[in-house]
Protein backbone atom coordinates (compact mmCIF):
# COMPACT_ATOMS: atom_id res chain seq x y z
CA MET A 1 2.02 22.22 14.78
CA ALA A 2 2.24 19.09 16.84
CA PRO A 3 -0.81 16.52 16.08
CA SER A 4 -3.69 16.98 18.60
CA TRP A 5 -3.51 13.25 19.09
CA VAL A 6 -1.62 10.30 17.79
CA LEU A 7 -1.81 6.52 17.24
CA LEU A 8 0.90 4.23 18.76
CA ASP A 9 1.76 0.72 18.97
CA ARG A 10 1.16 -0.30 22.56
CA ASN A 11 4.41 -2.32 22.78
CA LEU A 12 7.56 -0.26 22.91
CA PHE A 13 10.92 -1.96 22.45
CA PHE A 14 14.13 -0.48 23.65
CA TYR A 15 16.93 0.55 21.17
CA HIS A 16 20.39 1.73 21.40
CA ASP A 17 21.38 5.07 19.68
CA GLU A 18 24.94 6.07 20.11
CA THR A 19 24.45 9.53 18.83
CA VAL A 20 21.78 10.33 21.54
CA PHE A 21 24.32 9.58 24.31
CA ALA A 22 27.31 11.25 22.66
CA GLY A 23 29.51 13.03 25.30
CA GLU A 24 28.74 10.62 27.98
CA THR A 25 31.37 8.55 29.42
CA GLU A 26 31.34 4.97 28.42
CA GLY A 27 32.26 3.70 32.04
CA GLY A 28 29.34 5.71 33.58
CA ARG A 29 26.87 4.26 31.04
CA GLU A 30 28.10 0.67 31.67
CA SER A 31 27.59 0.97 35.45
CA ILE A 32 23.96 1.99 35.11
CA GLY A 33 21.73 -0.69 36.53
CA CYS A 34 24.59 -2.71 38.14
CA ALA A 35 24.62 -3.86 41.63
CA SER A 36 27.20 -2.29 43.83
CA GLU A 37 30.45 -4.06 44.68
CA GLU A 38 29.23 -5.00 48.10
CA ARG A 39 25.98 -6.56 46.75
CA ARG A 40 27.83 -8.39 43.97
CA LYS A 41 29.50 -10.65 46.38
CA GLY A 42 26.29 -12.49 47.23
CA ARG A 43 23.22 -13.53 45.30
CA PRO A 44 21.20 -10.40 44.21
CA SER A 45 18.07 -9.80 46.40
CA ASP A 46 14.81 -8.66 45.25
CA GLU A 47 15.84 -5.02 46.38
CA ASP A 48 18.93 -5.41 44.25
CA TYR A 49 16.98 -6.08 41.08
CA GLY A 50 14.41 -3.39 41.92
CA ASP A 51 16.97 -0.84 42.50
CA ALA A 52 19.04 -1.83 39.33
CA ILE A 53 15.95 -2.04 37.09
CA ALA A 54 14.71 1.44 38.35
CA ALA A 55 18.23 3.04 37.65
CA TYR A 56 18.38 1.47 34.31
CA LEU A 57 14.94 2.61 33.24
CA ARG A 58 15.69 6.19 34.39
CA SER A 59 18.71 6.32 32.18
CA LEU A 60 16.47 5.71 29.02
CA LYS A 61 15.64 8.63 26.72
CA PRO A 62 12.30 8.97 25.24
CA ASP A 63 12.18 9.81 21.55
CA ALA A 64 8.73 10.80 20.08
CA ARG A 65 8.22 10.61 16.38
CA LEU A 66 4.81 12.15 15.76
CA ALA A 67 2.33 12.17 12.82
CA ASP A 68 -1.15 13.00 12.23
CA PRO A 69 -3.55 9.79 12.17
CA PRO A 70 -4.04 7.67 10.14
CA GLU A 71 -0.08 7.77 9.90
CA LEU A 72 1.37 5.87 12.99
CA SER A 73 3.40 7.77 15.58
CA TYR A 74 6.30 6.18 17.45
CA LEU A 75 7.29 6.64 21.14
CA ARG A 76 10.85 4.96 21.39
CA MET A 77 12.87 4.30 24.51
CA LEU A 78 16.59 4.82 23.79
CA LEU A 79 19.22 2.76 25.62
CA PRO A 80 22.56 4.33 26.78
CA THR A 81 24.37 0.97 26.09
CA LYS A 82 24.08 -1.71 23.48
CA SER A 83 23.03 -4.31 25.88
CA ALA A 84 21.22 -4.22 29.23
CA PRO A 85 23.04 -4.68 32.57
CA PRO A 86 23.21 -8.13 34.07
CA LEU A 87 20.17 -7.61 36.35
CA CYS A 88 18.03 -5.96 33.78
CA ASP A 89 18.54 -8.30 30.80
CA ARG A 90 14.95 -9.33 30.79
CA VAL A 91 13.46 -5.83 30.71
CA THR A 92 13.91 -5.04 27.14
CA SER A 93 10.55 -3.25 26.27
CA ALA A 94 7.56 -1.52 27.84
CA CYS A 95 3.72 -1.73 27.25
CA ILE A 96 1.42 1.17 27.35
CA SER A 97 -1.57 0.59 29.82
CA SER A 98 -3.24 4.01 29.80
CA ALA A 99 -2.71 7.69 29.18
CA ASP A 100 -4.17 11.03 30.14
CA LYS A 101 -3.20 14.41 28.80
CA HIS A 102 0.50 14.61 28.89
CA ILE A 103 1.08 11.41 31.06
CA VAL A 104 1.50 7.94 29.57
CA ALA A 105 1.51 4.89 32.01
CA LEU A 106 3.46 1.85 31.09
CA TYR A 107 4.56 -1.57 32.20
CA ALA A 108 8.24 -2.13 32.10
CA GLY A 109 9.45 -5.54 31.30
CA TYR A 110 7.13 -8.55 31.57
CA TYR A 111 5.90 -7.40 35.19
CA ARG A 112 2.16 -7.43 35.65
CA PRO A 113 0.42 -7.30 38.97
CA GLY A 114 0.07 -10.83 40.28
CA ASN A 115 3.14 -12.16 38.77
CA SER A 116 6.68 -12.46 39.89
CA ASN A 117 8.45 -11.07 36.77
CA ARG A 118 11.04 -8.29 37.11
CA GLY A 119 10.11 -4.84 36.06
CA CYS A 120 8.01 -1.91 37.35
CA PHE A 121 5.74 0.83 36.35
CA LEU A 122 7.10 3.64 33.96
CA ILE A 123 5.74 7.04 33.63
CA TYR A 124 6.23 9.13 30.45
CA ASP A 125 5.66 12.98 30.82
CA ALA A 126 5.42 14.68 27.46
CA ARG A 127 5.69 18.07 28.95
CA LYS A 128 9.24 17.39 30.37
CA ASN A 129 9.93 14.70 27.82
CA SER A 130 11.00 12.63 30.68
CA LEU A 131 10.76 9.15 32.29
CA SER A 132 10.30 8.13 35.94
CA THR A 133 9.69 5.00 37.65
CA ILE A 134 7.04 3.61 40.21
CA PRO A 135 7.85 0.43 42.02
CA GLN A 136 5.86 -2.90 41.72
CA LEU A 137 3.06 -3.38 43.89
CA PRO A 138 4.00 -5.19 47.16
CA PHE A 139 4.27 -8.86 46.30
CA ASP A 140 1.53 -11.15 47.64
CA HIS A 141 0.76 -14.66 46.58
CA SER A 142 -2.92 -14.08 46.91
CA HIS A 143 -2.92 -11.26 44.24
CA GLU A 144 -4.38 -11.99 40.85
CA ASN A 145 -4.34 -9.70 37.81
CA ILE A 146 -7.74 -8.56 36.51
CA GLY A 147 -6.58 -8.19 32.86
CA ARG A 148 -3.68 -7.22 30.65
CA HIS A 149 -3.92 -3.37 30.99
CA THR A 150 -5.30 -2.41 34.32
CA ALA A 151 -3.09 0.56 35.42
CA VAL A 152 -5.22 3.81 35.15
CA VAL A 153 -3.60 7.28 35.18
CA VAL A 154 -5.65 10.31 35.93
CA CYS A 155 -4.09 13.83 35.67
CA ASP A 156 -4.83 16.18 38.43
CA GLY A 157 -5.74 19.20 36.21
CA ASP A 158 -3.07 21.63 34.94
CA GLY A 159 -0.76 21.27 37.86
CA GLY A 160 1.25 18.43 36.33
CA GLY A 161 0.31 15.88 39.19
CA TYR A 162 -1.38 12.59 38.57
CA THR A 163 -2.84 9.41 40.32
CA LEU A 164 -1.88 5.93 39.19
CA ALA A 165 -4.46 3.42 40.19
CA GLU A 166 -3.87 -0.43 39.78
CA LEU A 167 -6.48 -2.99 40.62
CA VAL A 168 -5.97 -6.73 41.65
CA ARG A 169 -8.03 -9.47 42.66
CA VAL A 170 -7.51 -11.27 45.95
CA GLU A 171 -7.76 -14.93 46.08
CA SER A 172 -10.20 -15.86 48.77
CA SER A 173 -13.09 -18.19 49.68
CA ALA A 174 -15.67 -15.43 48.86
CA GLY A 175 -14.10 -14.81 45.48
CA ASP A 176 -14.99 -11.13 45.45
CA GLU A 177 -12.24 -9.53 47.17
CA ALA A 178 -10.13 -6.94 45.60
CA LYS A 179 -7.44 -4.31 46.31
CA LEU A 180 -7.08 -0.91 44.74
CA TYR A 181 -3.59 0.40 44.93
CA LEU A 182 -3.06 4.25 44.58
CA TRP A 183 0.34 6.09 43.77
CA HIS A 184 0.87 9.82 43.75
CA PRO A 185 4.29 11.43 42.55
CA SER A 186 4.84 12.81 45.94
CA ALA A 187 4.43 9.58 47.78
CA GLU A 188 7.14 7.13 48.95
CA GLU A 189 4.79 4.08 48.77
CA TRP A 190 1.55 2.69 47.45
CA VAL A 191 -1.71 3.38 49.21
CA VAL A 192 -3.83 0.28 49.31
CA LYS A 193 -7.65 0.06 49.79
CA ALA A 194 -9.66 -3.15 50.12
CA GLY A 195 -13.01 -3.70 48.59
CA ARG A 196 -15.44 -6.14 47.06
CA LEU A 197 -16.24 -6.85 43.39
CA PRO A 198 -19.76 -6.90 42.14
CA PRO A 199 -20.92 -10.64 41.40
CA GLU A 200 -20.92 -9.98 37.59
CA VAL A 201 -17.14 -10.03 37.40
CA CYS A 202 -16.60 -12.80 40.05
CA SER A 203 -18.05 -15.82 38.39
CA PRO A 204 -15.58 -18.61 37.80
CA ASP A 205 -17.60 -19.60 34.65
CA ASP A 206 -17.72 -16.26 33.20
CA TYR A 207 -14.43 -14.71 33.83
CA PHE A 208 -13.88 -10.85 33.69
CA SER A 209 -10.62 -9.93 31.98
CA ALA A 210 -9.83 -6.26 31.27
CA SER A 211 -8.09 -5.41 27.86
CA MET A 212 -8.29 -1.61 28.29
CA CYS A 213 -8.84 1.02 30.96
CA PHE A 214 -9.38 4.69 31.23
CA HIS A 215 -10.96 7.22 33.54
CA TYR A 216 -14.42 8.85 33.13
CA CYS A 217 -14.32 12.76 33.46
CA GLY A 218 -11.65 12.38 36.24
CA THR A 219 -14.14 11.09 38.71
CA SER A 220 -14.39 7.20 37.93
CA LEU A 221 -12.07 4.57 37.18
CA CYS A 222 -12.98 2.13 34.28
CA TRP A 223 -11.68 -1.43 33.43
CA VAL A 224 -13.07 -2.82 30.29
CA ASP A 225 -13.80 -6.34 29.28
CA LEU A 226 -14.94 -5.95 25.60
CA LEU A 227 -16.91 -9.35 25.78
CA LYS A 228 -18.60 -8.37 29.15
CA GLY A 229 -18.81 -4.76 30.21
CA ILE A 230 -17.15 -2.09 32.38
CA LEU A 231 -16.02 -2.40 35.88
CA VAL A 232 -16.44 1.17 37.46
CA CYS A 233 -15.07 2.55 40.60
CA ASP A 234 -15.77 5.96 42.10
CA LEU A 235 -12.22 7.76 42.21
CA SER A 236 -13.44 10.84 44.22
CA GLU A 237 -14.78 8.45 46.91
CA VAL A 238 -11.66 6.44 47.00
CA GLN A 239 -9.31 9.45 47.45
CA ARG A 240 -10.84 10.05 50.85
CA ARG A 241 -8.60 8.87 53.52
CA SER A 242 -10.77 6.21 55.17
CA SER A 243 -12.97 5.32 52.44
CA VAL A 244 -13.71 1.94 50.90
CA PRO A 245 -13.55 1.36 47.13
CA LYS A 246 -17.07 1.09 45.68
CA PHE A 247 -17.45 -0.87 42.33
CA ARG A 248 -20.28 -1.34 40.07
CA PHE A 249 -20.67 -3.11 36.78
CA VAL A 250 -21.90 -1.77 33.63
CA PRO A 251 -22.98 -4.58 31.07
CA LEU A 252 -22.44 -4.15 27.22
CA PRO A 253 -25.59 -3.11 25.32
CA GLU A 254 -28.46 -5.70 25.19
CA GLY A 255 -28.48 -5.66 21.44
CA CYS A 256 -24.72 -6.56 21.28
CA THR A 257 -23.80 -9.99 20.27
CA THR A 258 -22.38 -12.13 23.21
CA TYR A 259 -19.38 -14.35 22.72
CA ASP A 260 -17.38 -16.78 25.12
CA ILE A 261 -13.62 -16.06 25.46
CA ILE A 262 -12.94 -19.60 24.25
CA ASP A 263 -14.85 -20.62 21.12
CA ASP A 264 -16.38 -23.79 20.11
CA LYS A 265 -12.88 -24.90 18.62
CA GLY A 266 -11.00 -24.33 21.92
CA GLN A 267 -9.29 -21.37 20.59
CA GLU A 268 -9.11 -17.97 22.64
CA LEU A 269 -11.03 -15.04 21.19
CA PHE A 270 -9.34 -11.58 21.04
CA PRO A 271 -12.05 -9.00 21.24
CA GLU A 272 -9.72 -6.03 20.43
CA LEU A 273 -9.77 -7.51 16.82
CA PHE A 274 -13.36 -6.32 16.36
CA ARG A 275 -14.22 -4.10 19.42
CA SER A 276 -13.03 -1.01 21.23
CA MET A 277 -14.18 1.46 23.84
CA ALA A 278 -13.02 4.93 24.96
CA CYS A 279 -14.11 8.10 26.86
CA ILE A 280 -14.30 10.77 24.24
CA ASP A 281 -15.13 14.33 25.17
CA GLY A 282 -16.76 13.09 28.35
CA VAL A 283 -18.87 10.55 26.85
CA ILE A 284 -18.14 6.62 26.83
CA LYS A 285 -18.42 5.06 23.35
CA PHE A 286 -18.21 1.45 22.14
CA VAL A 287 -17.58 0.25 18.71
CA THR A 288 -18.11 -3.23 17.51
CA MET A 289 -17.79 -5.08 14.11
CA ASP A 290 -20.73 -7.29 13.66
CA GLY A 291 -20.11 -10.30 11.61
CA TYR A 292 -16.47 -10.37 12.21
CA VAL A 293 -16.49 -13.50 14.40
CA GLU A 294 -18.81 -15.25 12.23
CA ARG A 295 -16.59 -14.52 9.17
CA ARG A 296 -19.46 -13.14 7.19
CA SER A 297 -17.72 -10.63 5.21
CA ALA A 298 -20.89 -9.62 3.27
CA GLU A 299 -22.53 -8.64 6.49
CA LEU A 300 -19.76 -6.68 8.17
CA LYS A 301 -21.13 -3.52 9.91
CA LEU A 302 -19.67 -1.01 12.31
CA THR A 303 -22.01 -0.18 15.20
CA LEU A 304 -21.29 2.75 17.58
CA TRP A 305 -22.83 2.81 20.89
CA THR A 306 -22.98 5.63 23.45
CA LEU A 307 -23.41 5.25 27.18
CA SER A 308 -25.49 7.57 29.16
CA SER A 309 -23.94 9.87 31.81
CA ASP A 310 -25.51 7.89 34.50
CA PHE A 311 -24.19 4.45 33.12
CA SER A 312 -27.87 3.02 32.92
CA SER A 313 -28.26 2.71 29.24
CA TRP A 314 -26.63 2.42 25.74
CA ASP A 315 -28.00 4.00 22.47
CA ILE A 316 -26.98 3.33 18.98
CA SER A 317 -25.43 6.40 17.42
CA LYS A 318 -24.28 5.01 14.14
CA VAL A 319 -24.48 1.89 11.88
CA TYR A 320 -22.14 1.64 9.04
CA ASP A 321 -21.73 -1.05 6.26
CA VAL A 322 -18.19 -2.04 5.81
CA GLY A 323 -18.94 -2.58 2.09
CA ASN A 324 -19.02 1.26 1.78
CA ILE A 325 -15.24 1.19 2.47
CA TRP A 326 -14.64 -1.53 -0.25
CA GLU A 327 -16.75 0.48 -2.77
CA ASN A 328 -14.88 3.84 -2.06
CA GLU A 329 -12.59 5.10 -4.97
CA THR A 330 -9.68 5.89 -2.70
CA TYR A 331 -9.79 2.26 -1.49
CA GLN A 332 -10.16 0.80 -4.78
CA SER A 333 -7.19 2.77 -6.09
CA CYS A 334 -4.90 0.77 -3.66
CA ILE A 335 -5.95 -2.37 -5.61
CA LEU A 336 -7.12 -3.99 -2.45
CA GLY A 337 -9.77 -6.71 -2.34
CA ARG A 338 -12.58 -7.14 0.16
CA ILE A 339 -10.41 -7.46 3.15
CA ALA A 340 -12.03 -7.67 6.51
CA PRO A 341 -10.69 -4.78 8.69
CA SER A 342 -9.51 -5.26 12.18
CA PHE A 343 -8.47 -3.42 15.50
CA PRO A 344 -10.99 -0.57 15.36
CA VAL A 345 -10.07 2.62 17.25
CA LEU A 346 -12.35 5.72 17.72
CA SER A 347 -11.05 9.13 16.87
CA MET A 348 -10.43 11.03 20.07
CA HIS A 349 -11.88 14.44 18.65
CA GLU A 350 -14.17 13.63 15.78
CA ALA A 351 -17.64 12.02 16.16
CA ASN A 352 -18.41 9.14 13.83
CA VAL A 353 -14.83 8.65 12.64
CA VAL A 354 -13.02 5.38 13.31
CA TYR A 355 -9.48 4.04 12.37
CA LEU A 356 -9.15 0.57 11.00
CA VAL A 357 -6.24 -1.82 10.03
CA PHE A 358 -6.41 -3.68 6.83
CA THR A 359 -3.94 -6.50 6.40
CA ASP A 360 -3.43 -7.67 2.91
CA PHE A 361 -2.46 -11.35 2.32
CA ARG A 362 -2.63 -12.89 -1.24
CA ARG A 363 -2.56 -16.46 -2.35
CA GLY A 364 0.97 -17.34 -3.71
CA LYS A 365 2.52 -20.54 -4.97
CA ASP A 366 0.96 -23.72 -3.56
CA GLN A 367 -1.97 -21.61 -2.20
CA VAL A 368 0.42 -20.34 0.55
CA SER A 369 -0.56 -16.71 1.93
CA VAL A 370 1.79 -14.16 1.15
CA PHE A 371 1.92 -10.84 3.10
CA LYS A 372 1.55 -7.80 0.63
CA GLY A 373 1.06 -4.79 2.93
CA GLN A 374 -0.73 -3.38 5.84
CA TYR A 375 -2.86 -0.24 5.99
CA VAL A 376 -4.48 2.20 8.46
CA LEU A 377 -7.65 3.78 7.30
CA ARG A 378 -9.49 6.79 8.60
CA VAL A 379 -13.19 6.14 8.09
CA ASP A 380 -15.58 9.15 8.33
CA MET A 381 -18.81 7.20 8.69
CA GLU A 382 -21.00 10.21 8.54
CA ASN A 383 -19.85 11.50 5.14
CA CYS A 384 -18.55 8.12 3.67
CA LYS A 385 -15.07 9.31 3.19
CA VAL A 386 -11.82 7.25 3.47
CA GLN A 387 -8.31 8.27 4.03
CA ILE A 388 -5.47 5.60 3.62
CA CYS A 389 -1.93 5.42 5.07
CA GLN A 390 0.22 2.52 4.04
CA ALA A 391 1.91 1.22 7.38
CA SER A 392 4.12 -1.50 5.94
CA THR A 393 4.91 -3.42 2.76
CA THR A 394 7.51 -5.83 4.14
CA ASP A 395 6.18 -6.87 7.65
CA MET A 396 2.97 -7.13 9.46
CA ILE A 397 3.93 -4.58 12.10
CA ILE A 398 0.54 -4.08 13.58
CA ARG A 399 -0.28 -7.20 15.67
CA SER A 400 -2.43 -5.59 18.41
CA GLN A 401 -4.95 -2.64 18.76
CA LEU A 402 -3.42 0.72 18.35
CA PHE A 403 -3.32 3.13 21.28
CA PRO A 404 -4.83 6.67 20.87
CA SER A 405 -3.27 9.44 23.04
CA GLU A 406 -3.26 13.14 23.27
CA PHE A 407 0.25 13.52 24.79
CA SER A 408 1.43 14.89 21.46
CA ALA A 409 -0.56 18.26 21.99
CA TYR A 410 1.29 18.84 25.37
CA ARG A 411 4.76 17.88 24.12
CA HIS A 412 5.61 21.39 23.01
CA GLY A 413 3.71 23.12 25.87
CA SER A 414 0.47 23.46 24.04
CA ALA A 415 -2.68 22.14 25.63
CA ASP A 416 -4.84 23.05 22.62
CA HIS A 417 -6.67 20.39 20.86
CA PRO A 418 -7.29 21.32 17.22
CA GLN A 419 -9.54 19.03 15.23
CA ASP A 420 -8.12 16.25 13.09
CA PRO A 421 -7.15 17.41 9.48
CA ILE A 422 -9.66 16.10 7.02
CA SER A 423 -8.39 14.99 3.66
CA SER A 424 -9.82 12.17 1.91
CA GLN A 425 -11.82 10.76 -0.79
């Protein structure tokens, strides 16, 4: 049985596997993503690049290797040739922005809204095990991105359709202008709607930057700054032909410690290291690791918050001492010390279950830190149970927050969502 959900690395690199493309002519593969003879005579235009990159990306073949969490799953993108065509040589990877049911939305290459890098949007459909491309937003010098992962995908039910929504700031004197772009599979161009952002996300001294995004019950689009709060847009309202996007801001819980994106030493703070948020079974949940930034290992606690359905209030649903993990027999059997965990991710199907990354460095000769291993732990905070999976012993392969997705449940035609298996100490 396929896993009901999986944990993935957000960053997917492209690989060549000759066995997957056996039987295809080498000449045909080499021509993928190349400009036509007529176009090669002059300097490639933006259209040349766009057409070449789209053709190149459509030639990739997805290869999913699935496992039940805490073991990592992999979604590889396989190249038909050993190297990329000339116009596509900078498009060597993709990054997951969001997912819903069988659809995963990615950025291909270094492209993000607001920059001029080559690339486009890439859609993985697990039901068909297929890839399709969506062109970049129309370029505009006034566009600014509103974060790193801001393309929200929302499935249309069981019909297989979806909506992709991308949000950009618009540079203006007022500072609150934004554009919401919508794409449907049957469309030939982006639909754009202009709106105004709430003041909480427009302050130049308190910049809002989304590090994750998702939808709430198919009715609202959510962009999350883990140091500030949630920017929410009513999707049902936006989908009306002549409507204007209406945004609202939901701050983080009042009892949650506040931090600046740049600390006292001038270093950037990465909140994904100690915080996460998700919509799980129709409820938005937020987990934070108190004491992580202050490096107070003895006081590390996981606090789980739940947002009310009207977005008006947060309630604490669980507080868990990280020391309980260190004292667990399963944890101690791996001969790990009191390592501070990182990159918390909430289970998609189990209440009070969180997944954490433990990276083991030891002091070697001359007091130099030596990498010893990296582990992903499933922690059942309700029953104080721990399950450990060793991710690597040779390299620190997890360098960013893992991405949870249910696409695995749809890959073999099944839309059922069985509970995560429970095996632990």
